[in-house]
Amino acid sequence: LAVQPGLFLMEIAGYYFEHVTMPLAGTIYGAFIPDIQKEI
């Protein structure tokens, strides 16, 4: 963690993006575009 703090921060940012931003965006898009649920 102390060796490459930048890499550690990128991993946290990536985790946050995958588990928070993506599902949130999917929910929002799904509310406006019902067809997106069928395509996935």
Protein backbone atom coordinates (compact mmCIF):
# COMPACT_ATOMS: atom_id res chain seq x y z
CA LEU A 1 0.00 0.00 0.00
CA ALA A 2 2.86 2.36 0.83
CA VAL A 3 4.88 1.21 -2.19
CA GLN A 4 2.45 2.43 -4.88
CA PRO A 5 -0.28 4.62 -3.35
CA GLY A 6 -1.33 5.78 -6.82
CA LEU A 7 -2.07 2.23 -7.92
CA PHE A 8 -3.96 1.60 -4.70
CA LEU A 9 -6.11 4.68 -5.27
CA MET A 10 -6.80 3.57 -8.84
CA GLU A 11 -7.97 0.18 -7.57
CA ILE A 12 -10.33 1.85 -5.11
CA ALA A 13 -11.60 4.18 -7.84
CA GLY A 14 -12.11 1.21 -10.17
CA TYR A 15 -13.96 -0.73 -7.49
CA TYR A 16 -16.14 2.28 -6.72
CA PHE A 17 -16.86 2.80 -10.42
CA GLU A 18 -17.81 -0.85 -11.02
CA HIS A 19 -19.97 -1.30 -7.91
CA VAL A 20 -21.53 2.15 -7.53
CA THR A 21 -21.44 4.18 -10.74
CA MET A 22 -22.25 1.39 -13.20
CA PRO A 23 -25.29 -0.04 -11.33
CA LEU A 24 -26.54 3.49 -10.64
CA ALA A 25 -26.20 4.43 -14.31
CA GLY A 26 -27.91 1.19 -15.30
CA THR A 27 -30.82 1.96 -13.00
CA ILE A 28 -31.16 5.49 -14.33
CA TYR A 29 -30.92 4.41 -17.98
CA GLY A 30 -33.31 1.54 -17.29
CA ALA A 31 -35.87 4.00 -15.95
CA PHE A 32 -35.70 6.14 -19.10
CA ILE A 33 -34.93 3.40 -21.62
CA PRO A 34 -36.78 0.14 -20.79
CA ASP A 35 -35.22 -1.63 -23.78
CA ILE A 36 -31.76 -1.54 -22.17
CA GLN A 37 -32.86 -4.21 -19.69
CA LYS A 38 -33.73 -6.57 -22.54
CA GLU A 39 -30.43 -6.12 -24.37
CA ILE A 40 -28.22 -6.88 -21.36
